[in-house]
Each structure stands twice: as structure tokens, then as C-alpha cells.
Amino acid sequence: MEAQPSCGKKEEYTWLETLINKCAGNKSVTRILEMDLKKATPEGDNYASIIYRAKLTVILRNGMKSKLSFIIKKALEDKDKLEALSTIPVFKIEIKVYEEILRQFEVLMNEYLDCNEKLWCHLIGYRSYVTIVLEDLKVKNFVVADRKKMLDLNHSKLVLHSLGRFHALGYILIQKGLLQKEDLPPFYCEEGPIIIERMYKGGLMILSNVIEKYWTPEWKEIGDRLFKEQNIVMEKLKKLFEPRENDFITLCHGDCWTCNMMFKYSPFEENYPISFKFLDFQTAHVSVYIFDVMHFLYTSVQPEVRRAYYEKLLSMYHKSLQTTLALYGFEDRTPTLKNIHSEAERIEYYGFITSLIVLPATSADVKDAFKLEYLNNDSKWTEAFNEDIFKSDLYKSAVQPELRKWFNKGLF
């Protein structure tokens, strides 16, 4: 039974409650005077929604005029793009994550005195299922890194440290019976809707054509093999997601790449990240942790950094996962570092496809690099990728060493 405060303490509690409520109430908005609404992201940074930054001039309850800023995510207005995404309920998923799952994360953190910074922004509210209003992290000096440059070692270490914390919280929620796999739709690779199948098949077809036409002759055999791979790519990906004994299942972000994260930097050391937030939970799902890790490594980390520090980066993730689970009394459930390496090897095919097909679309400095709406068009889906993204020296230097290795291993 909870101890009741003494009479003197009751008065102090009441006074403090009044003070806190008054302070909070004085900051509430009574009227919006002006609103400036502008696109918050450039082309290529987001494919599943339209992001606006709303700058408001308001009157607060205490009578003072103030400036506020929020992020407003809206459903796509293009009917063809909306139709293409109709099988993936991105807004429904994201609202559930913010409204229910991340709030449970906060309850856990409070219960276990986890004083680490939250890894997500604050949900202001939403309109089902077309609009979400979020706090604007930019006013707190968070910024999105340049997707075309990808992330250096310090950024990558911070992301994997944060991902370890995020996965630990998701695992604990599942162990406490507060989250189940059925609470969120399966990851799109598990079910393989037609637009996803076309994305991977079309990407491999265009890449193989580019290799034949524009790469040097020694790549022709690999290009031919990639063209044949499009017939079985979806089957192979689905197989990787089949349930296995002793899997470490957690809440997965689902799209862990550069434009779905923000960094805050040291005030006295340029480009040194000190704080991190995840954005965009539109494809969040419950699955095996390793897919988030591999997705990040092959879409967002500078290739030379990934090659040189691969083991160090996996160790960083493992240490964070272990430390967080220990804080919550689940240290003995942590996958071993050996297991993490084994899982990464097991789903290497996912890294292969992500590197070849997703990476060029997310890092390309090309107008109209990827046309989502084409995937739902029976006559245009093979043209969804702009072939220029597969031609650049930057892309070739990013994928050719691994591509040769994967070919020699018989991965495809």
C-alpha cells in the first residue's frame, strides 16, 4: 500500500501541484494569430508522406505573444502514389507507435529510472489516418544529415548505440506482454505485396541492363546473374523472415536510414554528434532485431567506414543492447556478439538486396531517382528506378567490392 503524506506534506504537495499546473497552463495556447506552412524536406528525403514545418505566432494563456514551430505530416496527395501505398497502412502504423508503444516505452523508462534521453520526438496529435503533428526537433538544434554523403564513424556509432537501446525497450515490452507481433502489420518483405515485389524485381532488371550497357565487360556475367535473380528475389527475402527458435524479437523501426534520424552536435566540435532521435515509424513492425541493423549498415553508413569498422559497429550495438537490458533486469537475454555476427551472416542476402536496390535510391544525387507511383502501373513498373542512379562512380565504388564477394560466395 502506498504511503500517505503527513498533514504538513499534504499542504506542500497541494502547493507544488498548483504551482506546476499554473506554470504548464500559462504556456498553453489560447489563439493562433499567424501560421506559415512550408515543405520541410527536399525531394528524395521522403517517399511515403508530405512533411511541412508550421511556424506559428500565438497568444499564450498568460497573455504573452510567442513563436512556436511544429512538424505536420500529411498523407500523399498524388492518387497514383496513394494507390501504390494502399497495401501498407503507413499512417495507421505510425500513429499506433507514437500513441501507444512509445508511451509504453516512457512508462518503462520512468519505472526503472532510466534517465537516458528519449530516442523519439513528442507527438502533439493526429487526425486519423491522414495527418500527424509532431514537435519540431529543429528548434532544439537537431538536424538531418546529408543522405548523399552518408554517415561517418561517429554518426554510425551513435545510431547503433541508440538502436541497441530502442531494441532493448521493444524486447522488454514484449516480455511484459504489452506488445505482440500481431499488434502491427508484418514487414513488407514478409508478405511481399505487388509493389514491393516489383520494386526489387524492377531494380534488379534495370541494374543488370546498366551493367551490360555502361559497366566494363568483366561485370557482364554478374549482370546476367542479377537479371535471373529477379525471378526468385521475393521468395528468398520472405524465407529470411520465417520464424525460428530462440529469435530475439523486438520492435523494429523498419526503415532505419539517414533521413529517418536527426542529430544534435557538440557546440565546440563541429560535426561531432552528441544526441540522436529516430523519425518516421511508418513501417515499424515486430520482428528479429538484425534486419534494422543490416538495413542501416547498407543504406546509411559510408561504405569505407562499414568495411573498415564492421566488427566495431556490431560490437557497439551489442554493448548498448546488453547495457540497456541489464538496467531492466534482462541482461541474461542479450544475444551474444557471436550470435549477432551469425545473424548478420544469415541474412546477408537482405544486405545484398538493400545495398544494390535501396542504397542508390536513398543516396542518389539524381532528379526523379525513384518514382513510387510507377510500381502500381502494369506498364510502367519496370521504369520506377532512374537508370542514372546505377551508373555513377560513387554507386559503383559503394557496391562493386561486395558485389564481387557475394557473386563468388554464390549468394546469387
Protein backbone atom coordinates (compact mmCIF):
# COMPACT_ATOMS: atom_id res chain seq x y z
CA MET A 1 0.00 0.00 0.00
CA GLU A 2 1.33 3.42 -0.95
CA ALA A 3 2.35 5.59 2.00
CA GLN A 4 0.16 8.67 2.51
CA PRO A 5 1.83 12.05 3.06
CA SER A 6 1.55 13.65 6.50
CA CYS A 7 -0.68 16.70 7.03
CA GLY A 8 2.24 19.11 6.54
CA LYS A 9 3.39 17.29 3.46
CA LYS A 10 -0.14 17.32 2.04
CA GLU A 11 -0.14 21.12 2.10
CA GLU A 12 3.26 21.21 0.44
CA TYR A 13 2.11 18.68 -2.21
CA THR A 14 -1.01 20.75 -2.94
CA TRP A 15 1.00 23.95 -3.24
CA LEU A 16 3.56 22.32 -5.55
CA GLU A 17 0.81 20.76 -7.71
CA THR A 18 -0.84 24.17 -8.08
CA LEU A 19 2.48 25.77 -8.97
CA ILE A 20 3.32 23.15 -11.62
CA ASN A 21 -0.16 23.27 -13.16
CA LYS A 22 -0.10 27.05 -13.26
CA CYS A 23 3.28 27.03 -14.98
CA ALA A 24 2.07 24.49 -17.54
CA GLY A 25 -1.23 26.30 -18.03
CA ASN A 26 0.44 29.66 -18.64
CA LYS A 27 2.22 28.12 -21.61
CA SER A 28 -0.95 26.80 -23.25
CA VAL A 29 -2.14 28.49 -26.44
CA THR A 30 -5.36 30.48 -26.42
CA ARG A 31 -5.21 31.76 -30.00
CA ILE A 32 -3.21 31.38 -33.23
CA LEU A 33 -2.51 34.74 -34.88
CA GLU A 34 -0.50 33.62 -37.91
CA MET A 35 0.76 30.40 -39.49
CA ASP A 36 3.49 29.96 -42.09
CA LEU A 37 3.42 26.49 -43.69
CA LYS A 38 6.35 25.31 -45.83
CA LYS A 39 7.72 21.99 -47.09
CA ALA A 40 10.24 20.69 -44.57
CA THR A 41 12.08 18.11 -46.68
CA PRO A 42 13.62 18.23 -50.16
CA GLU A 43 12.89 15.75 -52.93
CA GLY A 44 14.27 12.29 -52.28
CA ASP A 45 14.24 12.54 -48.47
CA ASN A 46 10.74 11.10 -48.01
CA TYR A 47 8.54 8.92 -50.20
CA ALA A 48 5.56 7.94 -48.02
CA SER A 49 4.20 11.32 -46.86
CA ILE A 50 4.42 15.09 -47.28
CA ILE A 51 6.27 16.88 -44.47
CA TYR A 52 5.58 20.51 -43.58
CA ARG A 53 7.04 22.84 -40.99
CA ALA A 54 4.37 25.07 -39.43
CA LYS A 55 5.67 28.28 -37.81
CA LEU A 56 3.03 29.87 -35.60
CA THR A 57 2.58 33.20 -33.90
CA VAL A 58 0.31 32.61 -30.90
CA ILE A 59 -1.14 34.18 -27.78
CA LEU A 60 -0.44 32.19 -24.62
CA ARG A 61 -2.78 31.86 -21.66
CA ASN A 62 -0.68 34.36 -19.71
CA GLY A 63 -1.31 36.93 -22.47
CA MET A 64 2.17 36.88 -23.95
CA LYS A 65 2.79 36.58 -27.69
CA SER A 66 5.04 33.67 -28.63
CA LYS A 67 6.51 31.81 -31.61
CA LEU A 68 6.02 28.05 -31.95
CA SER A 69 7.05 25.52 -34.56
CA PHE A 70 5.64 22.07 -35.34
CA ILE A 71 6.08 19.35 -37.94
CA ILE A 72 2.95 18.30 -39.84
CA LYS A 73 2.97 15.02 -41.77
CA LYS A 74 0.22 14.63 -44.32
CA ALA A 75 -0.83 11.73 -46.49
CA LEU A 76 0.33 11.87 -50.09
CA GLU A 77 -1.93 13.91 -52.37
CA ASP A 78 -0.95 12.15 -55.60
CA LYS A 79 -3.64 9.50 -56.25
CA ASP A 80 -1.21 7.16 -58.01
CA LYS A 81 1.26 7.29 -55.10
CA LEU A 82 -1.56 6.77 -52.60
CA GLU A 83 -2.76 3.77 -54.54
CA ALA A 84 0.75 2.34 -54.64
CA LEU A 85 0.95 2.52 -50.83
CA SER A 86 -2.59 1.27 -50.21
CA THR A 87 -1.38 -2.15 -49.01
CA ILE A 88 0.94 -0.61 -46.39
CA PRO A 89 -1.05 1.42 -43.81
CA VAL A 90 1.82 3.79 -43.04
CA PHE A 91 -0.15 6.42 -41.12
CA LYS A 92 -2.09 3.87 -39.07
CA ILE A 93 1.18 2.19 -38.09
CA GLU A 94 2.93 5.43 -37.16
CA ILE A 95 0.04 6.73 -35.07
CA LYS A 96 -0.13 3.45 -33.14
CA VAL A 97 3.61 3.57 -32.47
CA TYR A 98 3.52 7.15 -31.17
CA GLU A 99 0.19 6.95 -29.36
CA GLU A 100 0.65 3.57 -27.69
CA ILE A 101 4.04 1.86 -28.00
CA LEU A 102 6.38 4.81 -27.42
CA ARG A 103 4.23 5.93 -24.49
CA GLN A 104 4.73 2.47 -23.01
CA PHE A 105 8.46 2.95 -23.55
CA GLU A 106 8.27 6.14 -21.48
CA VAL A 107 6.37 4.35 -18.70
CA LEU A 108 9.10 1.70 -18.63
CA MET A 109 11.85 4.30 -18.52
CA ASN A 110 10.18 6.10 -15.62
CA GLU A 111 9.55 2.85 -13.73
CA TYR A 112 13.17 1.72 -13.98
CA LEU A 113 14.68 5.20 -13.50
CA ASP A 114 16.17 5.12 -16.98
CA CYS A 115 17.25 8.76 -17.26
CA ASN A 116 18.65 8.46 -20.77
CA GLU A 117 17.25 10.81 -23.37
CA LYS A 118 14.20 9.66 -25.33
CA LEU A 119 15.02 8.43 -28.82
CA TRP A 120 11.90 9.93 -30.42
CA CYS A 121 10.12 13.25 -30.60
CA HIS A 122 6.87 14.21 -28.87
CA LEU A 123 3.53 13.53 -30.54
CA ILE A 124 1.28 16.61 -30.46
CA GLY A 125 -1.76 14.94 -32.01
CA TYR A 126 -3.23 13.45 -35.18
CA ARG A 127 -6.23 13.15 -37.46
CA SER A 128 -6.92 9.51 -38.32
CA TYR A 129 -5.35 8.48 -40.66
CA VAL A 130 -4.20 11.42 -42.75
CA THR A 131 -2.31 13.91 -40.56
CA ILE A 132 0.20 13.71 -37.70
CA VAL A 133 1.51 16.72 -35.76
CA LEU A 134 4.88 16.37 -34.02
CA GLU A 135 7.28 18.57 -32.12
CA ASP A 136 9.83 20.30 -34.33
CA LEU A 137 13.24 18.98 -33.32
CA LYS A 138 14.95 21.65 -35.38
CA VAL A 139 14.20 24.25 -32.69
CA LYS A 140 16.20 22.06 -30.30
CA ASN A 141 19.15 22.12 -32.73
CA PHE A 142 18.60 18.67 -34.23
CA VAL A 143 19.29 18.33 -37.95
CA VAL A 144 19.06 15.61 -40.61
CA ALA A 145 22.46 14.54 -42.01
CA ASP A 146 23.18 14.73 -45.73
CA ARG A 147 21.85 11.45 -47.19
CA LYS A 148 24.12 11.77 -50.25
CA LYS A 149 27.31 11.90 -48.15
CA MET A 150 26.14 9.07 -45.85
CA LEU A 151 27.37 8.73 -42.27
CA ASP A 152 30.90 8.66 -40.86
CA LEU A 153 32.12 6.52 -37.97
CA ASN A 154 30.99 8.80 -35.12
CA HIS A 155 27.48 9.16 -36.53
CA SER A 156 27.27 5.42 -37.17
CA LYS A 157 28.37 4.53 -33.64
CA LEU A 158 25.74 6.83 -32.14
CA VAL A 159 23.00 5.35 -34.33
CA LEU A 160 23.88 1.76 -33.42
CA HIS A 161 24.16 2.67 -29.75
CA SER A 162 20.68 4.22 -29.98
CA LEU A 163 19.31 1.27 -31.95
CA GLY A 164 20.54 -1.07 -29.21
CA ARG A 165 18.58 0.94 -26.62
CA PHE A 166 15.49 1.04 -28.84
CA HIS A 167 15.54 -2.71 -29.45
CA ALA A 168 16.05 -3.43 -25.75
CA LEU A 169 12.94 -1.42 -24.84
CA GLY A 170 10.92 -3.20 -27.51
CA TYR A 171 12.05 -6.60 -26.27
CA ILE A 172 11.15 -5.78 -22.66
CA LEU A 173 7.70 -4.57 -23.70
CA ILE A 174 7.13 -7.92 -25.44
CA GLN A 175 8.36 -9.88 -22.42
CA LYS A 176 5.92 -8.00 -20.20
CA GLY A 177 3.03 -8.88 -22.52
CA LEU A 178 2.48 -5.26 -23.54
CA LEU A 179 3.36 -5.74 -27.21
CA GLN A 180 2.71 -8.64 -29.58
CA LYS A 181 3.69 -9.35 -33.15
CA GLU A 182 0.03 -9.09 -34.18
CA ASP A 183 -0.23 -5.52 -32.86
CA LEU A 184 1.45 -4.20 -36.01
CA PRO A 185 1.25 -5.34 -39.64
CA PRO A 186 4.08 -7.61 -40.86
CA PHE A 187 7.08 -6.02 -42.51
CA TYR A 188 6.51 -5.54 -46.23
CA CYS A 189 9.24 -8.09 -47.07
CA GLU A 190 7.38 -10.77 -45.09
CA GLU A 191 4.21 -10.53 -47.15
CA GLY A 192 5.67 -9.19 -50.40
CA PRO A 193 2.80 -7.09 -51.81
CA ILE A 194 2.94 -6.47 -55.54
CA ILE A 195 4.59 -3.05 -55.29
CA ILE A 196 7.43 -4.46 -53.16
CA GLU A 197 7.94 -7.40 -55.49
CA ARG A 198 8.03 -5.00 -58.43
CA MET A 199 10.45 -2.69 -56.62
CA TYR A 200 13.05 -5.43 -56.14
CA LYS A 201 12.46 -7.14 -59.48
CA GLY A 202 12.47 -3.87 -61.41
CA GLY A 203 15.59 -2.67 -59.61
CA LEU A 204 17.49 -5.83 -60.49
CA MET A 205 16.33 -5.67 -64.11
CA ILE A 206 17.42 -2.05 -64.55
CA LEU A 207 20.72 -2.62 -62.72
CA SER A 208 21.55 -5.63 -64.90
CA ASN A 209 20.78 -3.59 -68.04
CA VAL A 210 23.01 -0.74 -66.83
CA ILE A 211 25.83 -3.19 -66.08
CA GLU A 212 25.59 -4.61 -69.60
CA LYS A 213 25.49 -1.17 -71.29
CA TYR A 214 27.71 1.03 -69.12
CA TRP A 215 29.95 -1.02 -66.81
CA THR A 216 33.20 -2.57 -68.03
CA PRO A 217 33.00 -6.03 -69.72
CA GLU A 218 34.27 -8.06 -66.74
CA TRP A 219 30.95 -7.34 -64.95
CA LYS A 220 28.78 -8.87 -67.69
CA GLU A 221 28.49 -12.33 -66.06
CA ILE A 222 27.41 -10.73 -62.80
CA GLY A 223 24.90 -8.56 -64.65
CA ASP A 224 23.40 -11.63 -66.33
CA ARG A 225 23.13 -13.40 -62.96
CA LEU A 226 21.38 -10.39 -61.43
CA PHE A 227 18.83 -10.38 -64.25
CA LYS A 228 17.96 -14.02 -63.49
CA GLU A 229 17.82 -13.25 -59.75
CA GLN A 230 14.74 -11.07 -60.22
CA ASN A 231 12.66 -14.24 -60.65
CA ILE A 232 13.42 -15.51 -57.13
CA VAL A 233 14.33 -12.38 -55.14
CA MET A 234 11.00 -12.12 -53.30
CA GLU A 235 10.93 -15.81 -52.44
CA LYS A 236 14.43 -15.57 -50.93
CA LEU A 237 13.58 -12.44 -48.91
CA LYS A 238 10.38 -13.94 -47.50
CA LYS A 239 12.28 -17.03 -46.37
CA LEU A 240 14.60 -14.90 -44.24
CA PHE A 241 11.62 -13.70 -42.20
CA GLU A 242 10.29 -17.16 -41.37
CA PRO A 243 10.10 -17.68 -37.55
CA ARG A 244 13.00 -19.52 -35.92
CA GLU A 245 13.61 -20.85 -32.43
CA ASN A 246 15.33 -18.50 -29.97
CA ASP A 247 14.96 -15.44 -32.22
CA PHE A 248 15.43 -12.14 -30.37
CA ILE A 249 12.15 -10.48 -31.33
CA THR A 250 11.60 -6.77 -30.75
CA LEU A 251 10.02 -3.62 -32.11
CA CYS A 252 11.88 -2.87 -35.33
CA HIS A 253 11.97 0.62 -36.81
CA GLY A 254 11.63 -0.83 -40.31
CA ASP A 255 13.27 1.98 -42.28
CA CYS A 256 16.42 2.85 -40.40
CA TRP A 257 18.25 5.16 -42.83
CA THR A 258 19.79 8.62 -42.82
CA CYS A 259 16.67 10.69 -43.47
CA ASN A 260 14.72 8.97 -40.70
CA MET A 261 17.02 10.20 -37.96
CA MET A 262 18.21 13.54 -36.57
CA PHE A 263 21.40 14.53 -34.79
CA LYS A 264 22.40 17.27 -32.37
CA TYR A 265 26.04 18.35 -32.44
CA SER A 266 28.67 19.38 -29.94
CA PRO A 267 28.74 23.18 -29.52
CA PHE A 268 32.54 23.22 -29.57
CA GLU A 269 33.45 20.42 -32.01
CA GLU A 270 31.98 20.71 -35.48
CA ASN A 271 30.18 17.67 -36.90
CA TYR A 272 30.55 15.63 -33.69
CA PRO A 273 27.10 14.19 -32.86
CA ILE A 274 26.10 14.10 -29.20
CA SER A 275 22.38 13.34 -29.33
CA PHE A 276 20.06 11.34 -31.57
CA LYS A 277 16.36 10.89 -32.44
CA PHE A 278 14.51 8.42 -34.66
CA LEU A 279 11.94 9.74 -37.11
CA ASP A 280 9.24 8.09 -39.22
CA PHE A 281 7.77 4.90 -37.76
CA GLN A 282 5.58 4.23 -40.81
CA THR A 283 6.92 0.71 -41.40
CA ALA A 284 7.55 -0.25 -37.76
CA HIS A 285 6.86 -3.91 -37.03
CA VAL A 286 7.69 -6.70 -34.61
CA SER A 287 10.45 -8.96 -35.90
CA VAL A 288 14.09 -10.02 -35.47
CA TYR A 289 16.45 -7.20 -34.47
CA ILE A 290 19.11 -7.87 -37.10
CA PHE A 291 17.10 -6.52 -40.06
CA ASP A 292 17.22 -2.97 -38.65
CA VAL A 293 20.96 -3.28 -38.08
CA MET A 294 21.71 -4.53 -41.60
CA HIS A 295 19.34 -2.02 -43.21
CA PHE A 296 21.22 0.81 -41.53
CA LEU A 297 24.67 -0.55 -42.35
CA TYR A 298 23.90 -0.92 -46.06
CA THR A 299 21.83 2.23 -46.69
CA SER A 300 23.41 4.88 -44.48
CA VAL A 301 26.99 4.13 -43.45
CA GLN A 302 29.80 5.28 -45.74
CA PRO A 303 30.98 2.06 -47.46
CA GLU A 304 34.61 2.57 -46.50
CA VAL A 305 33.56 3.04 -42.86
CA ARG A 306 31.39 -0.08 -42.90
CA ARG A 307 34.22 -2.14 -44.41
CA ALA A 308 36.88 -0.89 -42.01
CA TYR A 309 34.81 -0.91 -38.81
CA TYR A 310 32.17 -3.59 -39.39
CA GLU A 311 33.06 -5.60 -36.26
CA LYS A 312 33.43 -2.47 -34.14
CA LEU A 313 29.98 -1.25 -35.20
CA LEU A 314 28.33 -4.57 -34.37
CA SER A 315 30.15 -4.52 -31.01
CA MET A 316 28.80 -1.03 -30.33
CA TYR A 317 25.26 -2.26 -30.97
CA HIS A 318 25.78 -5.34 -28.79
CA LYS A 319 27.19 -3.34 -25.86
CA SER A 320 24.27 -0.90 -25.92
CA LEU A 321 21.71 -3.71 -26.14
CA GLN A 322 23.36 -5.54 -23.25
CA THR A 323 23.70 -2.46 -21.04
CA THR A 324 20.08 -1.44 -21.53
CA LEU A 325 18.73 -4.93 -20.93
CA ALA A 326 20.84 -5.12 -17.76
CA LEU A 327 19.28 -1.89 -16.48
CA TYR A 328 15.87 -3.53 -16.79
CA GLY A 329 16.93 -6.88 -15.31
CA PHE A 330 17.10 -8.80 -18.61
CA GLU A 331 20.87 -8.95 -19.18
CA ASP A 332 20.85 -12.75 -19.49
CA ARG A 333 18.55 -12.45 -22.54
CA THR A 334 21.09 -10.47 -24.57
CA PRO A 335 22.19 -12.16 -27.80
CA THR A 336 25.93 -12.83 -27.71
CA LEU A 337 28.20 -10.89 -30.03
CA LYS A 338 28.85 -14.20 -31.80
CA ASN A 339 25.11 -14.61 -32.30
CA ILE A 340 24.84 -11.10 -33.76
CA HIS A 341 27.59 -11.91 -36.26
CA SER A 342 25.87 -15.20 -37.07
CA GLU A 343 22.52 -13.46 -37.64
CA ALA A 344 24.16 -10.84 -39.85
CA GLU A 345 25.67 -13.67 -41.90
CA ARG A 346 22.33 -15.48 -42.05
CA ILE A 347 20.51 -12.51 -43.57
CA GLU A 348 23.40 -11.37 -45.77
CA TYR A 349 21.06 -11.67 -48.75
CA TYR A 350 18.94 -8.87 -47.24
CA GLY A 351 22.08 -6.69 -47.04
CA PHE A 352 22.88 -7.62 -50.64
CA ILE A 353 19.46 -6.54 -51.98
CA THR A 354 19.37 -3.44 -49.77
CA SER A 355 22.81 -2.39 -50.96
CA LEU A 356 22.03 -2.90 -54.64
CA ILE A 357 18.46 -1.58 -54.83
CA VAL A 358 17.67 0.65 -51.82
CA LEU A 359 21.04 2.39 -51.41
CA PRO A 360 21.13 4.03 -54.87
CA ALA A 361 17.60 5.43 -54.47
CA THR A 362 18.33 6.83 -50.99
CA SER A 363 21.75 8.34 -51.70
CA ALA A 364 21.50 9.38 -55.36
CA ASP A 365 22.04 12.98 -56.41
CA VAL A 366 19.66 12.50 -59.34
CA LYS A 367 16.31 14.14 -60.03
CA ASP A 368 13.42 11.66 -60.03
CA ALA A 369 15.68 8.87 -58.78
CA PHE A 370 12.68 6.71 -57.89
CA LYS A 371 9.01 7.01 -58.90
CA LEU A 372 6.90 5.22 -56.34
CA GLU A 373 3.68 5.63 -58.33
CA TYR A 374 5.09 3.61 -61.25
CA LEU A 375 5.11 0.46 -59.12
CA ASN A 376 1.32 0.34 -59.27
CA ASN A 377 1.23 0.74 -63.05
CA ASP A 378 1.22 -2.51 -65.03
CA SER A 379 3.02 -0.92 -67.97
CA LYS A 380 5.47 1.38 -66.15
CA TRP A 381 6.68 -0.51 -63.09
CA THR A 382 9.93 -1.57 -64.78
CA GLU A 383 10.77 2.14 -65.13
CA ALA A 384 10.34 3.06 -61.45
CA PHE A 385 14.11 3.45 -61.00
CA ASN A 386 16.04 6.07 -62.96
CA GLU A 387 18.91 4.11 -64.50
CA ASP A 388 21.28 7.03 -63.84
CA ILE A 389 21.44 6.05 -60.15
CA PHE A 390 23.23 2.82 -61.10
CA LYS A 391 25.78 4.49 -63.38
CA SER A 392 27.65 6.81 -61.07
CA ASP A 393 31.21 6.16 -59.94
CA LEU A 394 30.01 6.76 -56.37
CA TYR A 395 27.49 3.91 -56.62
CA LYS A 396 29.96 1.56 -58.27
CA SER A 397 32.63 2.19 -55.64
CA ALA A 398 29.99 1.62 -52.94
CA VAL A 399 28.76 -1.77 -54.19
CA GLN A 400 31.31 -3.37 -56.52
CA PRO A 401 33.66 -4.89 -53.88
CA GLU A 402 30.73 -6.54 -52.04
CA LEU A 403 29.01 -7.47 -55.29
CA ARG A 404 32.08 -9.41 -56.43
CA LYS A 405 32.35 -11.07 -53.00
CA TRP A 406 28.67 -12.08 -52.96
CA PHE A 407 28.95 -13.45 -56.51
CA ASN A 408 31.99 -15.54 -55.60
CA LYS A 409 30.18 -16.86 -52.49
CA GLY A 410 27.25 -17.96 -54.61
CA LEU A 411 24.81 -15.70 -52.75
CA PHE A 412 23.01 -15.08 -56.03
